[in-house]
Amino acid sequence: MSDTPKSHGRKSIRATLQPRELITPTPELARAWKAQVITLLPQAFPGILGESLTGRALKDGLWSLTPIDLRPFGEGKHRNVDDTPAGGGAGMVLRADVMGRAIDRTQDSAPRGAPLIYLSPRGRRFDQAMAQRLAQGPGVTLICGRFEGLDERVIEHYGIEEVSLGDFVMTGGEIAAQALIDACVRLLPGVLGNAESAVEESHSSGLLEHPHYTRPAEWQGRPIPEVLTSGDHAKVAAWRREMSERLTATRRPDLWDRHLKSRRDKA
């Protein structure tokens, strides 16, 4: 019998800033989608991402998550990460030198081609098309903002992409980071039980999703639409398409106008 250790070619070895005792013994496949998150609240991860389908996929090694604590990169005895804004004003700003050191460390372990994204209320609005683009890549490195934001020089120096969940402001980027990761991970092969779910849902086709029904056949005097129990798949498909278009035109006229323009361009 040979004493030579067996090779595990599908797994990769990675360095981490987390203490070893805090790491869950989870296999990390060499080509798994990789999320790194620079944050002042590393204990907030995986959070909801560790539950349900995303949690199971994390345990199975279909994707990996590495929270990077920003505090150890801070300045001085107290590891300060922020300072007062140049020119005066309220609040504090994350320091360029501190964030720069954290980014340099994460880029050493980031997959080639993985974008660097700063969760910011002034960024481009996150949507399903962006989730699909990111899910098709090797992963992402996310920066969670705090206080008044991040020194602009860092954004310029590293060519960071700014992304926003919408036209509102939160106390930090951690919730936004988890939302972005969730939207991407569920699109990875093998995560959803039914691959068609990701194809038929809202925004995947540029339209809102049609209504859904299940048992009982009648509830509170409201029956399931007859077409859905007809067994005629063509009629069901046509009804669902009609409902998607009607809902989109009523609730999201911006999406409906975009859909009509796309249809005209194709014609």
Protein backbone atom coordinates (compact mmCIF):
# COMPACT_ATOMS: atom_id res chain seq x y z
CA MET A 1 0.00 0.00 0.00
CA SER A 2 1.35 3.43 -0.93
CA ASP A 3 1.66 6.24 1.60
CA THR A 4 1.21 8.83 -1.16
CA PRO A 5 -1.92 10.92 -0.45
CA LYS A 6 -4.69 10.70 -2.98
CA SER A 7 -5.36 13.72 -5.17
CA HIS A 8 -8.67 15.54 -4.97
CA GLY A 9 -8.57 17.28 -8.32
CA ARG A 10 -12.02 18.86 -8.06
CA LYS A 11 -11.26 20.67 -4.83
CA SER A 12 -9.19 23.81 -4.32
CA ILE A 13 -7.25 25.10 -1.34
CA ARG A 14 -7.85 28.72 -0.35
CA ALA A 15 -6.41 31.14 2.13
CA THR A 16 -8.85 32.95 4.38
CA LEU A 17 -8.81 35.81 6.84
CA GLN A 18 -11.27 33.95 9.09
CA PRO A 19 -10.00 32.02 12.11
CA ARG A 20 -9.93 28.33 11.21
CA GLU A 21 -12.35 27.39 14.01
CA LEU A 22 -15.06 29.59 12.47
CA ILE A 23 -15.00 27.83 9.11
CA THR A 24 -17.65 25.22 8.36
CA PRO A 25 -16.06 22.08 6.85
CA THR A 26 -17.57 22.55 3.41
CA PRO A 27 -16.04 21.21 0.19
CA GLU A 28 -15.04 23.92 -2.25
CA LEU A 29 -14.97 22.74 -5.86
CA ALA A 30 -12.17 24.20 -7.93
CA ARG A 31 -14.57 25.76 -10.44
CA ALA A 32 -17.34 26.67 -8.01
CA TRP A 33 -18.84 30.16 -8.24
CA LYS A 34 -17.01 32.21 -5.63
CA ALA A 35 -18.37 35.14 -3.61
CA GLN A 36 -16.07 37.29 -1.47
CA VAL A 37 -17.56 40.02 0.71
CA ILE A 38 -15.56 42.85 2.31
CA THR A 39 -17.56 43.94 5.34
CA LEU A 40 -17.37 45.33 8.86
CA LEU A 41 -19.93 42.70 9.85
CA PRO A 42 -18.48 39.33 8.79
CA GLN A 43 -20.68 37.62 11.39
CA ALA A 44 -23.70 38.60 9.26
CA PHE A 45 -22.69 35.95 6.71
CA PRO A 46 -23.87 33.55 5.47
CA GLY A 47 -27.10 34.71 7.13
CA ILE A 48 -30.12 33.76 5.01
CA LEU A 49 -27.72 32.45 2.36
CA GLY A 50 -26.99 29.52 4.63
CA GLU A 51 -30.61 28.39 4.52
CA SER A 52 -32.84 26.60 2.00
CA LEU A 53 -31.56 26.01 -1.54
CA THR A 54 -28.63 28.42 -1.38
CA GLY A 55 -27.52 26.91 1.93
CA ARG A 56 -27.68 23.39 0.59
CA ALA A 57 -25.74 24.41 -2.52
CA LEU A 58 -23.15 26.05 -0.28
CA LYS A 59 -22.74 22.85 1.72
CA ASP A 60 -22.51 20.84 -1.50
CA GLY A 61 -19.72 23.08 -2.78
CA LEU A 62 -21.63 24.45 -5.79
CA TRP A 63 -20.55 27.90 -4.66
CA SER A 64 -18.35 29.34 -1.93
CA LEU A 65 -18.60 32.33 0.38
CA THR A 66 -15.70 34.14 2.06
CA PRO A 67 -16.54 37.15 4.26
CA ILE A 68 -13.52 39.42 4.69
CA ASP A 69 -13.45 41.45 7.90
CA LEU A 70 -12.42 45.02 7.07
CA ARG A 71 -11.42 45.86 10.66
CA PRO A 72 -8.00 44.09 10.70
CA PHE A 73 -6.90 46.33 7.81
CA GLY A 74 -7.64 49.45 9.87
CA GLU A 75 -5.17 52.09 11.04
CA GLY A 76 -3.57 52.41 14.45
CA LYS A 77 -4.14 50.76 17.79
CA HIS A 78 -7.92 50.84 17.38
CA ARG A 79 -7.91 49.70 13.75
CA ASN A 80 -9.79 52.76 12.52
CA VAL A 81 -11.42 52.25 9.11
CA ASP A 82 -13.04 55.66 8.62
CA ASP A 83 -12.41 59.38 8.99
CA THR A 84 -14.21 62.69 8.66
CA PRO A 85 -15.17 63.79 5.12
CA ALA A 86 -12.83 66.19 3.35
CA GLY A 87 -14.51 69.58 3.04
CA GLY A 88 -16.60 69.02 6.14
CA GLY A 89 -20.06 67.60 6.62
CA ALA A 90 -21.84 65.00 8.66
CA GLY A 91 -20.85 61.36 9.08
CA MET A 92 -17.71 59.42 8.33
CA VAL A 93 -16.12 58.03 5.16
CA LEU A 94 -14.34 54.68 4.71
CA ARG A 95 -10.63 55.37 4.26
CA ALA A 96 -8.95 54.77 0.90
CA ASP A 97 -5.79 53.17 2.36
CA VAL A 98 -7.74 50.78 4.58
CA MET A 99 -10.10 49.63 1.83
CA GLY A 100 -7.20 49.44 -0.62
CA ARG A 101 -5.37 46.96 1.58
CA ALA A 102 -8.48 44.82 1.94
CA ILE A 103 -9.13 44.82 -1.80
CA ASP A 104 -5.52 43.89 -2.59
CA ARG A 105 -5.80 40.89 -0.27
CA THR A 106 -9.08 39.69 -1.77
CA GLN A 107 -7.85 40.06 -5.33
CA ASP A 108 -5.08 37.56 -4.60
CA SER A 109 -7.72 34.87 -4.08
CA ALA A 110 -10.44 36.10 -6.46
CA PRO A 111 -11.07 34.07 -9.63
CA ARG A 112 -9.77 35.68 -12.80
CA GLY A 113 -12.49 37.79 -14.37
CA ALA A 114 -14.57 38.16 -11.19
CA PRO A 115 -15.86 41.76 -11.03
CA LEU A 116 -15.32 44.04 -8.04
CA ILE A 117 -18.68 45.53 -7.01
CA TYR A 118 -19.49 48.22 -4.47
CA LEU A 119 -23.07 48.14 -3.15
CA SER A 120 -24.03 51.80 -3.43
CA PRO A 121 -27.37 53.71 -3.70
CA ARG A 122 -25.94 55.69 -6.60
CA GLY A 123 -25.00 52.61 -8.62
CA ARG A 124 -26.67 50.99 -11.59
CA ARG A 125 -29.87 49.28 -10.52
CA PHE A 126 -29.51 45.54 -10.05
CA ASP A 127 -31.82 43.46 -12.25
CA GLN A 128 -32.33 39.92 -13.53
CA ALA A 129 -30.13 40.50 -16.57
CA MET A 130 -27.23 41.53 -14.31
CA ALA A 131 -27.84 38.49 -12.09
CA GLN A 132 -27.65 36.24 -15.14
CA ARG A 133 -24.44 37.91 -16.33
CA LEU A 134 -22.76 37.57 -12.94
CA ALA A 135 -23.95 33.97 -12.49
CA GLN A 136 -22.34 33.03 -15.80
CA GLY A 137 -18.97 34.32 -14.57
CA PRO A 138 -16.55 32.87 -12.00
CA GLY A 139 -17.92 34.85 -9.07
CA VAL A 140 -17.87 38.32 -7.49
CA THR A 141 -16.07 40.36 -4.86
CA LEU A 142 -18.50 42.66 -3.07
CA ILE A 143 -17.75 45.73 -0.97
CA CYS A 144 -20.31 46.59 1.70
CA GLY A 145 -20.44 50.31 2.36
CA ARG A 146 -21.00 51.87 5.77
CA PHE A 147 -21.35 55.40 7.15
CA GLU A 148 -21.37 58.03 4.37
CA GLY A 149 -19.70 55.74 1.87
CA LEU A 150 -16.33 54.94 0.36
CA ASP A 151 -13.49 57.28 -0.63
CA GLU A 152 -14.02 58.01 -4.33
CA ARG A 153 -10.35 57.42 -5.13
CA VAL A 154 -10.73 53.73 -4.35
CA ILE A 155 -13.62 53.40 -6.79
CA GLU A 156 -11.61 55.14 -9.51
CA HIS A 157 -8.32 53.32 -8.87
CA TYR A 158 -9.76 49.80 -9.00
CA GLY A 159 -12.43 50.49 -11.61
CA ILE A 160 -15.11 49.32 -9.21
CA GLU A 161 -18.63 48.74 -10.52
CA GLU A 162 -21.30 50.40 -8.39
CA VAL A 163 -24.59 48.52 -8.03
CA SER A 164 -27.81 49.51 -6.24
CA LEU A 165 -30.86 47.49 -5.25
CA GLY A 166 -33.10 50.49 -5.83
CA ASP A 167 -33.80 54.12 -5.08
CA PHE A 168 -33.48 53.95 -1.31
CA VAL A 169 -30.72 54.04 1.30
CA MET A 170 -29.86 51.42 3.93
CA THR A 171 -27.46 51.53 6.86
CA GLY A 172 -24.97 49.28 5.08
CA GLY A 173 -24.40 47.04 2.10
CA GLU A 174 -24.68 43.67 3.84
CA ILE A 175 -28.37 43.06 3.09
CA ALA A 176 -27.86 44.22 -0.48
CA ALA A 177 -24.87 41.89 -0.84
CA GLN A 178 -26.89 38.92 0.35
CA ALA A 179 -29.71 39.80 -2.05
CA LEU A 180 -27.32 40.04 -4.98
CA ILE A 181 -25.61 36.76 -4.11
CA ASP A 182 -28.94 34.97 -3.67
CA ALA A 183 -30.19 36.15 -7.06
CA CYS A 184 -27.00 34.86 -8.72
CA VAL A 185 -26.58 31.58 -6.86
CA ARG A 186 -30.09 30.35 -7.62
CA LEU A 187 -29.22 30.59 -11.33
CA LEU A 188 -26.20 28.28 -11.02
CA PRO A 189 -26.57 24.78 -12.50
CA GLY A 190 -27.82 22.28 -9.95
CA VAL A 191 -29.10 24.80 -7.37
CA LEU A 192 -32.79 24.86 -8.29
CA GLY A 193 -34.65 21.57 -8.31
CA ASN A 194 -36.39 22.49 -11.56
CA ALA A 195 -34.20 24.37 -14.05
CA GLU A 196 -37.30 25.69 -15.82
CA SER A 197 -38.21 27.70 -12.71
CA ALA A 198 -35.45 30.21 -13.47
CA VAL A 199 -36.61 30.51 -17.07
CA GLU A 200 -40.30 31.16 -16.45
CA GLU A 201 -40.11 33.53 -13.47
CA SER A 202 -40.59 37.30 -13.41
CA HIS A 203 -38.11 39.44 -15.39
CA SER A 204 -36.39 36.49 -17.11
CA SER A 205 -38.34 37.19 -20.30
CA GLY A 206 -38.66 40.93 -19.70
CA LEU A 207 -42.20 40.48 -18.34
CA LEU A 208 -43.65 39.95 -14.88
CA GLU A 209 -44.59 36.39 -14.07
CA HIS A 210 -48.15 35.09 -14.48
CA PRO A 211 -50.31 34.24 -11.42
CA HIS A 212 -49.93 30.84 -9.75
CA TYR A 213 -52.57 28.52 -8.25
CA THR A 214 -52.65 25.17 -6.46
CA ARG A 215 -54.99 23.09 -4.26
CA PRO A 216 -57.69 23.41 -3.09
CA ALA A 217 -59.61 23.80 -6.35
CA GLU A 218 -61.82 26.42 -4.68
CA TRP A 219 -60.95 28.64 -1.74
CA GLN A 220 -63.12 31.33 -0.12
CA GLY A 221 -65.44 31.10 -3.10
CA ARG A 222 -62.58 31.66 -5.54
CA PRO A 223 -61.97 28.79 -8.04
CA ILE A 224 -58.79 28.13 -9.96
CA PRO A 225 -59.17 29.55 -13.51
CA GLU A 226 -60.79 26.85 -15.61
CA VAL A 227 -58.14 26.95 -18.33
CA LEU A 228 -55.51 25.73 -15.85
CA THR A 229 -57.43 22.54 -15.17
CA SER A 230 -58.38 21.92 -18.82
CA GLY A 231 -55.36 19.75 -19.61
CA ASP A 232 -54.81 21.76 -22.81
CA HIS A 233 -51.15 22.79 -22.58
CA ALA A 234 -51.35 25.17 -25.52
CA LYS A 235 -54.25 27.05 -23.94
CA VAL A 236 -52.47 27.14 -20.59
CA ALA A 237 -49.35 28.59 -22.22
CA ALA A 238 -51.39 31.22 -24.06
CA TRP A 239 -53.26 32.18 -20.85
CA ARG A 240 -50.04 32.53 -18.89
CA ARG A 241 -48.52 34.68 -21.61
CA GLU A 242 -51.61 36.90 -21.69
CA MET A 243 -51.58 37.29 -17.90
CA SER A 244 -47.87 38.15 -17.91
CA GLU A 245 -48.41 40.85 -20.51
CA ARG A 246 -51.47 42.23 -18.72
CA LEU A 247 -49.73 42.40 -15.34
CA THR A 248 -46.63 43.99 -16.82
CA ALA A 249 -48.59 46.64 -18.71
CA THR A 250 -50.61 47.48 -15.58
CA ARG A 251 -47.97 47.35 -12.85
CA ARG A 252 -44.72 48.13 -14.67
CA PRO A 253 -45.38 50.33 -17.70
CA ASP A 254 -41.62 50.95 -17.95
CA LEU A 255 -41.00 47.24 -18.51
CA TRP A 256 -43.96 47.01 -20.87
CA ASP A 257 -42.66 49.88 -23.02
CA ARG A 258 -39.24 48.22 -23.12
CA HIS A 259 -40.86 44.92 -24.11
CA LEU A 260 -42.83 46.54 -26.94
CA LYS A 261 -39.71 48.30 -28.23
CA SER A 262 -37.78 45.01 -28.19
CA ARG A 263 -40.60 43.30 -30.06
CA ARG A 264 -40.69 46.07 -32.69
CA ASP A 265 -36.92 45.91 -33.13
CA LYS A 266 -37.07 42.15 -33.71
CA ALA A 267 -39.87 42.58 -36.23
